[in-house]
Amino acid sequence: MAAPATASAITAEVARACDAAVAKAYPPRQIGNPAAGSTKGTAKDQRAYYQKCVANDGKVDDAPAEAPKDSKPSK
């Protein structure tokens, strides 16, 4: 029988830093204010950005990674 994989818990400081980084990279929308918030990125992008932050102990690049929308090469 295989041993279960152990997962290490992240610290509160890393979680706060990553929450702040995600909020900065993907600002939340505000109800009633169409100019506020971000329309870029999906929830999947935000989760990937957060996981990248946690993996780097709370340190990420200033800009989120932009994934190409389609697989066609540009001319």
PDB file of N, CA and C in Angstrom:
ATOM      1  N   MET A   1       0.838  -1.158   0.000  1.00  0.00           N
ATOM      2  CA  MET A   1       0.000   0.000   0.000  1.00  0.00           C
ATOM      3  C   MET A   1       0.897   1.240   0.000  1.00  0.00           C
ATOM      4  N   ALA A   2       0.539   2.221  -0.789  1.00  0.00           N
ATOM      5  CA  ALA A   2       1.340   3.432  -0.919  1.00  0.00           C
ATOM      6  C   ALA A   2       1.070   4.371   0.243  1.00  0.00           C
ATOM      7  N   ALA A   3       2.106   5.088   0.630  1.00  0.00           N
ATOM      8  CA  ALA A   3       1.967   6.070   1.707  1.00  0.00           C
ATOM      9  C   ALA A   3       1.257   7.309   1.162  1.00  0.00           C
ATOM     10  N   PRO A   4       0.411   7.935   1.970  1.00  0.00           N
ATOM     11  CA  PRO A   4      -0.287   9.139   1.494  1.00  0.00           C
ATOM     12  C   PRO A   4       0.693  10.299   1.315  1.00  0.00           C
ATOM     13  N   ALA A   5       0.421  11.103   0.327  1.00  0.00           N
ATOM     14  CA  ALA A   5       1.261  12.273   0.074  1.00  0.00           C
ATOM     15  C   ALA A   5       0.975  13.319   1.139  1.00  0.00           C
ATOM     16  N   THR A   6       2.034  13.945   1.627  1.00  0.00           N
ATOM     17  CA  THR A   6       1.845  14.969   2.646  1.00  0.00           C
ATOM     18  C   THR A   6       1.815  16.331   1.983  1.00  0.00           C
ATOM     19  N   ALA A   7       0.939  17.183   2.464  1.00  0.00           N
ATOM     20  CA  ALA A   7       0.823  18.535   1.941  1.00  0.00           C
ATOM     21  C   ALA A   7       1.191  19.505   3.058  1.00  0.00           C
ATOM     22  N   SER A   8       2.020  20.467   2.722  1.00  0.00           N
ATOM     23  CA  SER A   8       2.396  21.439   3.736  1.00  0.00           C
ATOM     24  C   SER A   8       1.428  22.618   3.688  1.00  0.00           C
ATOM     25  N   ALA A   9       1.086  23.115   4.842  1.00  0.00           N
ATOM     26  CA  ALA A   9       0.167  24.245   4.934  1.00  0.00           C
ATOM     27  C   ALA A   9       0.933  25.540   4.697  1.00  0.00           C
ATOM     28  N   ILE A  10       0.271  26.481   4.063  1.00  0.00           N
ATOM     29  CA  ILE A  10       0.909  27.767   3.838  1.00  0.00           C
ATOM     30  C   ILE A  10       0.732  28.627   5.083  1.00  0.00           C
ATOM     31  N   THR A  11       1.616  29.583   5.261  1.00  0.00           N
ATOM     32  CA  THR A  11       1.514  30.452   6.429  1.00  0.00           C
ATOM     33  C   THR A  11       0.506  31.565   6.160  1.00  0.00           C
ATOM     34  N   ALA A  12       0.067  32.200   7.225  1.00  0.00           N
ATOM     35  CA  ALA A  12      -0.897  33.292   7.098  1.00  0.00           C
ATOM     36  C   ALA A  12      -0.285  34.467   6.347  1.00  0.00           C
ATOM     37  N   GLU A  13       1.003  34.716   6.553  1.00  0.00           N
ATOM     38  CA  GLU A  13       1.665  35.829   5.872  1.00  0.00           C
ATOM     39  C   GLU A  13       1.696  35.604   4.361  1.00  0.00           C
ATOM     40  N   VAL A  14       1.985  34.373   3.946  1.00  0.00           N
ATOM     41  CA  VAL A  14       2.025  34.054   2.513  1.00  0.00           C
ATOM     42  C   VAL A  14       0.626  34.162   1.926  1.00  0.00           C
ATOM     43  N   ALA A  15      -0.373  33.677   2.647  1.00  0.00           N
ATOM     44  CA  ALA A  15      -1.750  33.751   2.157  1.00  0.00           C
ATOM     45  C   ALA A  15      -2.191  35.201   1.994  1.00  0.00           C
ATOM     46  N   ARG A  16      -1.867  36.062   2.975  1.00  0.00           N
ATOM     47  CA  ARG A  16      -2.239  37.482   2.872  1.00  0.00           C
ATOM     48  C   ARG A  16      -1.527  38.157   1.715  1.00  0.00           C
ATOM     49  N   ALA A  17      -0.241  37.857   1.549  1.00  0.00           N
ATOM     50  CA  ALA A  17       0.525  38.466   0.463  1.00  0.00           C
ATOM     51  C   ALA A  17      -0.030  38.034  -0.887  1.00  0.00           C
ATOM     52  N   CYS A  18      -0.391  36.774  -1.011  1.00  0.00           N
ATOM     53  CA  CYS A  18      -0.918  36.274  -2.281  1.00  0.00           C
ATOM     54  C   CYS A  18      -2.322  36.799  -2.548  1.00  0.00           C
ATOM     55  N   ASP A  19      -3.145  36.930  -1.505  1.00  0.00           N
ATOM     56  CA  ASP A  19      -4.474  37.531  -1.678  1.00  0.00           C
ATOM     57  C   ASP A  19      -4.345  38.960  -2.189  1.00  0.00           C
ATOM     58  N   ALA A  20      -3.403  39.709  -1.612  1.00  0.00           N
ATOM     59  CA  ALA A  20      -3.189  41.096  -2.040  1.00  0.00           C
ATOM     60  C   ALA A  20      -2.664  41.149  -3.475  1.00  0.00           C
ATOM     61  N   ALA A  21      -1.782  40.225  -3.840  1.00  0.00           N
ATOM     62  CA  ALA A  21      -1.238  40.202  -5.193  1.00  0.00           C
ATOM     63  C   ALA A  21      -2.322  39.886  -6.219  1.00  0.00           C
ATOM     64  N   VAL A  22      -3.204  38.945  -5.889  1.00  0.00           N
ATOM     65  CA  VAL A  22      -4.303  38.600  -6.801  1.00  0.00           C
ATOM     66  C   VAL A  22      -5.261  39.779  -6.940  1.00  0.00           C
ATOM     67  N   ALA A  23      -5.563  40.445  -5.823  1.00  0.00           N
ATOM     68  CA  ALA A  23      -6.472  41.601  -5.876  1.00  0.00           C
ATOM     69  C   ALA A  23      -5.862  42.741  -6.684  1.00  0.00           C
ATOM     70  N   LYS A  24      -4.551  42.881  -6.638  1.00  0.00           N
ATOM     71  CA  LYS A  24      -3.888  43.928  -7.416  1.00  0.00           C
ATOM     72  C   LYS A  24      -3.858  43.570  -8.899  1.00  0.00           C
ATOM     73  N   ALA A  25      -3.570  42.309  -9.207  1.00  0.00           N
ATOM     74  CA  ALA A  25      -3.486  41.877 -10.601  1.00  0.00           C
ATOM     75  C   ALA A  25      -4.863  41.742 -11.250  1.00  0.00           C
ATOM     76  N   TYR A  26      -5.839  41.310 -10.465  1.00  0.00           N
ATOM     77  CA  TYR A  26      -7.211  41.113 -10.948  1.00  0.00           C
ATOM     78  C   TYR A  26      -8.158  41.835  -9.993  1.00  0.00           C
ATOM     79  N   PRO A  27      -8.294  43.162 -10.120  1.00  0.00           N
ATOM     80  CA  PRO A  27      -9.157  43.894  -9.179  1.00  0.00           C
ATOM     81  C   PRO A  27     -10.594  43.396  -9.234  1.00  0.00           C
ATOM     82  N   PRO A  28     -11.224  43.265  -8.066  1.00  0.00           N
ATOM     83  CA  PRO A  28     -12.605  42.786  -8.048  1.00  0.00           C
ATOM     84  C   PRO A  28     -13.561  43.840  -8.594  1.00  0.00           C
ATOM     85  N   ARG A  29     -14.634  43.390  -9.193  1.00  0.00           N
ATOM     86  CA  ARG A  29     -15.657  44.311  -9.708  1.00  0.00           C
ATOM     87  C   ARG A  29     -16.484  44.841  -8.562  1.00  0.00           C
ATOM     88  N   GLN A  30     -17.009  46.055  -8.743  1.00  0.00           N
ATOM     89  CA  GLN A  30     -17.886  46.654  -7.751  1.00  0.00           C
ATOM     90  C   GLN A  30     -19.274  46.814  -8.354  1.00  0.00           C
ATOM     91  N   ILE A  31     -20.279  46.402  -7.612  1.00  0.00           N
ATOM     92  CA  ILE A  31     -21.651  46.506  -8.083  1.00  0.00           C
ATOM     93  C   ILE A  31     -22.024  47.978  -8.204  1.00  0.00           C
ATOM     94  N   GLY A  32     -22.596  48.355  -9.334  1.00  0.00           N
ATOM     95  CA  GLY A  32     -23.033  49.722  -9.552  1.00  0.00           C
ATOM     96  C   GLY A  32     -21.967  50.631 -10.122  1.00  0.00           C
ATOM     97  N   ASN A  33     -20.750  50.146 -10.281  1.00  0.00           N
ATOM     98  CA  ASN A  33     -19.668  50.961 -10.828  1.00  0.00           C
ATOM     99  C   ASN A  33     -19.033  50.194 -11.985  1.00  0.00           C
ATOM    100  N   PRO A  34     -19.500  50.411 -13.221  1.00  0.00           N
ATOM    101  CA  PRO A  34     -18.990  49.638 -14.345  1.00  0.00           C
ATOM    102  C   PRO A  34     -17.523  49.920 -14.659  1.00  0.00           C
ATOM    103  N   ALA A  35     -16.982  51.027 -14.187  1.00  0.00           N
ATOM    104  CA  ALA A  35     -15.586  51.342 -14.465  1.00  0.00           C
ATOM    105  C   ALA A  35     -14.632  50.669 -13.485  1.00  0.00           C
ATOM    106  N   ALA A  36     -15.146  50.150 -12.395  1.00  0.00           N
ATOM    107  CA  ALA A  36     -14.296  49.540 -11.379  1.00  0.00           C
ATOM    108  C   ALA A  36     -14.120  48.055 -11.658  1.00  0.00           C
ATOM    109  N   GLY A  37     -12.938  47.581 -11.392  1.00  0.00           N
ATOM    110  CA  GLY A  37     -12.674  46.155 -11.493  1.00  0.00           C
ATOM    111  C   GLY A  37     -12.051  45.756 -12.810  1.00  0.00           C
ATOM    112  N   SER A  38     -11.721  44.511 -12.864  1.00  0.00           N
ATOM    113  CA  SER A  38     -11.005  43.968 -14.003  1.00  0.00           C
ATOM    114  C   SER A  38     -11.909  43.084 -14.844  1.00  0.00           C
ATOM    115  N   THR A  39     -11.788  43.199 -16.133  1.00  0.00           N
ATOM    116  CA  THR A  39     -12.496  42.299 -17.031  1.00  0.00           C
ATOM    117  C   THR A  39     -11.532  41.281 -17.614  1.00  0.00           C
ATOM    118  N   LYS A  40     -10.259  41.384 -17.246  1.00  0.00           N
ATOM    119  CA  LYS A  40      -9.272  40.437 -17.764  1.00  0.00           C
ATOM    120  C   LYS A  40      -9.157  39.244 -16.841  1.00  0.00           C
ATOM    121  N   GLY A  41      -8.882  38.134 -17.420  1.00  0.00           N
ATOM    122  CA  GLY A  41      -8.657  36.936 -16.633  1.00  0.00           C
ATOM    123  C   GLY A  41      -9.933  36.258 -16.173  1.00  0.00           C
ATOM    124  N   THR A  42      -9.850  34.965 -16.067  1.00  0.00           N
ATOM    125  CA  THR A  42     -10.957  34.164 -15.585  1.00  0.00           C
ATOM    126  C   THR A  42     -10.641  33.694 -14.175  1.00  0.00           C
ATOM    127  N   ALA A  43     -11.567  33.020 -13.559  1.00  0.00           N
ATOM    128  CA  ALA A  43     -11.324  32.465 -12.229  1.00  0.00           C
ATOM    129  C   ALA A  43     -10.167  31.474 -12.274  1.00  0.00           C
ATOM    130  N   LYS A  44     -10.064  30.744 -13.365  1.00  0.00           N
ATOM    131  CA  LYS A  44      -8.963  29.791 -13.522  1.00  0.00           C
ATOM    132  C   LYS A  44      -7.623  30.526 -13.546  1.00  0.00           C
ATOM    133  N   ASP A  45      -7.570  31.669 -14.239  1.00  0.00           N
ATOM    134  CA  ASP A  45      -6.350  32.473 -14.279  1.00  0.00           C
ATOM    135  C   ASP A  45      -5.990  32.981 -12.890  1.00  0.00           C
ATOM    136  N   GLN A  46      -6.994  33.405 -12.147  1.00  0.00           N
ATOM    137  CA  GLN A  46      -6.761  33.926 -10.801  1.00  0.00           C
ATOM    138  C   GLN A  46      -6.249  32.835  -9.869  1.00  0.00           C
ATOM    139  N   ARG A  47      -6.821  31.640  -9.975  1.00  0.00           N
ATOM    140  CA  ARG A  47      -6.356  30.521  -9.147  1.00  0.00           C
ATOM    141  C   ARG A  47      -4.921  30.151  -9.493  1.00  0.00           C
ATOM    142  N   ALA A  48      -4.593  30.127 -10.776  1.00  0.00           N
ATOM    143  CA  ALA A  48      -3.233  29.800 -11.199  1.00  0.00           C
ATOM    144  C   ALA A  48      -2.247  30.849 -10.693  1.00  0.00           C
ATOM    145  N   TYR A  49      -2.637  32.121 -10.731  1.00  0.00           N
ATOM    146  CA  TYR A  49      -1.791  33.201 -10.238  1.00  0.00           C
ATOM    147  C   TYR A  49      -1.566  33.056  -8.730  1.00  0.00           C
ATOM    148  N   TYR A  50      -2.623  32.723  -7.994  1.00  0.00           N
ATOM    149  CA  TYR A  50      -2.517  32.524  -6.546  1.00  0.00           C
ATOM    150  C   TYR A  50      -1.604  31.338  -6.236  1.00  0.00           C
ATOM    151  N   GLN A  51      -1.776  30.235  -6.955  1.00  0.00           N
ATOM    152  CA  GLN A  51      -0.949  29.048  -6.719  1.00  0.00           C
ATOM    153  C   GLN A  51       0.513  29.320  -7.039  1.00  0.00           C
ATOM    154  N   LYS A  52       0.762  30.120  -8.080  1.00  0.00           N
ATOM    155  CA  LYS A  52       2.128  30.508  -8.424  1.00  0.00           C
ATOM    156  C   LYS A  52       2.725  31.341  -7.294  1.00  0.00           C
ATOM    157  N   CYS A  53       1.928  32.228  -6.731  1.00  0.00           N
ATOM    158  CA  CYS A  53       2.365  33.064  -5.620  1.00  0.00           C
ATOM    159  C   CYS A  53       2.709  32.199  -4.407  1.00  0.00           C
ATOM    160  N   VAL A  54       1.852  31.253  -4.069  1.00  0.00           N
ATOM    161  CA  VAL A  54       2.083  30.377  -2.920  1.00  0.00           C
ATOM    162  C   VAL A  54       3.343  29.542  -3.150  1.00  0.00           C
ATOM    163  N   ALA A  55       3.522  29.058  -4.370  1.00  0.00           N
ATOM    164  CA  ALA A  55       4.700  28.253  -4.678  1.00  0.00           C
ATOM    165  C   ALA A  55       5.994  29.055  -4.541  1.00  0.00           C
ATOM    166  N   ASN A  56       5.915  30.373  -4.751  1.00  0.00           N
ATOM    167  CA  ASN A  56       7.082  31.246  -4.646  1.00  0.00           C
ATOM    168  C   ASN A  56       7.143  31.960  -3.304  1.00  0.00           C
ATOM    169  N   ASP A  57       6.465  31.436  -2.284  1.00  0.00           N
ATOM    170  CA  ASP A  57       6.464  31.999  -0.929  1.00  0.00           C
ATOM    171  C   ASP A  57       6.009  33.445  -0.884  1.00  0.00           C
ATOM    172  N   GLY A  58       4.978  33.780  -1.647  1.00  0.00           N
ATOM    173  CA  GLY A  58       4.393  35.117  -1.593  1.00  0.00           C
ATOM    174  C   GLY A  58       5.018  36.122  -2.525  1.00  0.00           C
ATOM    175  N   LYS A  59       5.903  35.681  -3.379  1.00  0.00           N
ATOM    176  CA  LYS A  59       6.557  36.597  -4.317  1.00  0.00           C
ATOM    177  C   LYS A  59       6.165  36.230  -5.742  1.00  0.00           C
ATOM    178  N   VAL A  60       5.579  37.198  -6.465  1.00  0.00           N
ATOM    179  CA  VAL A  60       5.199  36.981  -7.860  1.00  0.00           C
ATOM    180  C   VAL A  60       5.599  38.199  -8.676  1.00  0.00           C
ATOM    181  N   ASP A  61       5.543  38.057  -9.984  1.00  0.00           N
ATOM    182  CA  ASP A  61       5.769  39.196 -10.862  1.00  0.00           C
ATOM    183  C   ASP A  61       4.632  40.184 -10.685  1.00  0.00           C
ATOM    184  N   ASP A  62       4.865  41.440 -11.067  1.00  0.00           N
ATOM    185  CA  ASP A  62       3.822  42.460 -10.935  1.00  0.00           C
ATOM    186  C   ASP A  62       2.645  42.207 -11.861  1.00  0.00           C
ATOM    187  N   ALA A  63       2.892  41.718 -13.061  1.00  0.00           N
ATOM    188  CA  ALA A  63       1.827  41.504 -14.035  1.00  0.00           C
ATOM    189  C   ALA A  63       1.485  40.015 -14.109  1.00  0.00           C
ATOM    190  N   PRO A  64       0.199  39.673 -14.230  1.00  0.00           N
ATOM    191  CA  PRO A  64      -0.161  38.265 -14.395  1.00  0.00           C
ATOM    192  C   PRO A  64       0.254  37.767 -15.766  1.00  0.00           C
ATOM    193  N   ALA A  65       0.499  36.490 -15.865  1.00  0.00           N
ATOM    194  CA  ALA A  65       0.887  35.905 -17.144  1.00  0.00           C
ATOM    195  C   ALA A  65      -0.286  35.969 -18.110  1.00  0.00           C
ATOM    196  N   GLU A  66      -0.038  36.480 -19.281  1.00  0.00           N
ATOM    197  CA  GLU A  66      -1.075  36.580 -20.302  1.00  0.00           C
ATOM    198  C   GLU A  66      -1.000  35.355 -21.204  1.00  0.00           C
ATOM    199  N   ALA A  67      -2.066  34.633 -21.291  1.00  0.00           N
ATOM    200  CA  ALA A  67      -2.133  33.466 -22.156  1.00  0.00           C
ATOM    201  C   ALA A  67      -2.723  33.887 -23.490  1.00  0.00           C
ATOM    202  N   PRO A  68      -2.183  33.367 -24.581  1.00  0.00           N
ATOM    203  CA  PRO A  68      -2.759  33.717 -25.881  1.00  0.00           C
ATOM    204  C   PRO A  68      -4.187  33.189 -26.001  1.00  0.00           C
ATOM    205  N   LYS A  69      -5.037  33.966 -26.652  1.00  0.00           N
ATOM    206  CA  LYS A  69      -6.452  33.603 -26.789  1.00  0.00           C
ATOM    207  C   LYS A  69      -6.662  32.478 -27.806  1.00  0.00           C
ATOM    208  N   ASP A  70      -5.845  32.466 -28.839  1.00  0.00           N
ATOM    209  CA  ASP A  70      -5.987  31.424 -29.849  1.00  0.00           C
ATOM    210  C   ASP A  70      -4.612  30.872 -30.184  1.00  0.00           C
ATOM    211  N   SER A  71      -4.592  29.727 -30.864  1.00  0.00           N
ATOM    212  CA  SER A  71      -3.328  29.072 -31.164  1.00  0.00           C
ATOM    213  C   SER A  71      -2.777  29.448 -32.541  1.00  0.00           C
ATOM    214  N   LYS A  72      -3.413  30.388 -33.207  1.00  0.00           N
ATOM    215  CA  LYS A  72      -2.938  30.789 -34.531  1.00  0.00           C
ATOM    216  C   LYS A  72      -1.702  31.676 -34.395  1.00  0.00           C
ATOM    217  N   PRO A  73      -0.683  31.430 -35.208  1.00  0.00           N
ATOM    218  CA  PRO A  73       0.498  32.282 -35.152  1.00  0.00           C
ATOM    219  C   PRO A  73       0.180  33.669 -35.713  1.00  0.00           C
ATOM    220  N   SER A  74       0.783  34.683 -35.130  1.00  0.00           N
ATOM    221  CA  SER A  74       0.548  36.036 -35.636  1.00  0.00           C
ATOM    222  C   SER A  74       1.363  36.285 -36.881  1.00  0.00           C
ATOM    223  N   LYS A  75       0.850  37.142 -37.753  1.00  0.00           N
ATOM    224  CA  LYS A  75       1.522  37.396 -39.026  1.00  0.00           C
ATOM    225  C   LYS A  75       2.469  38.551 -38.915  1.00  0.00           C
TER     226      LYS A  75
END
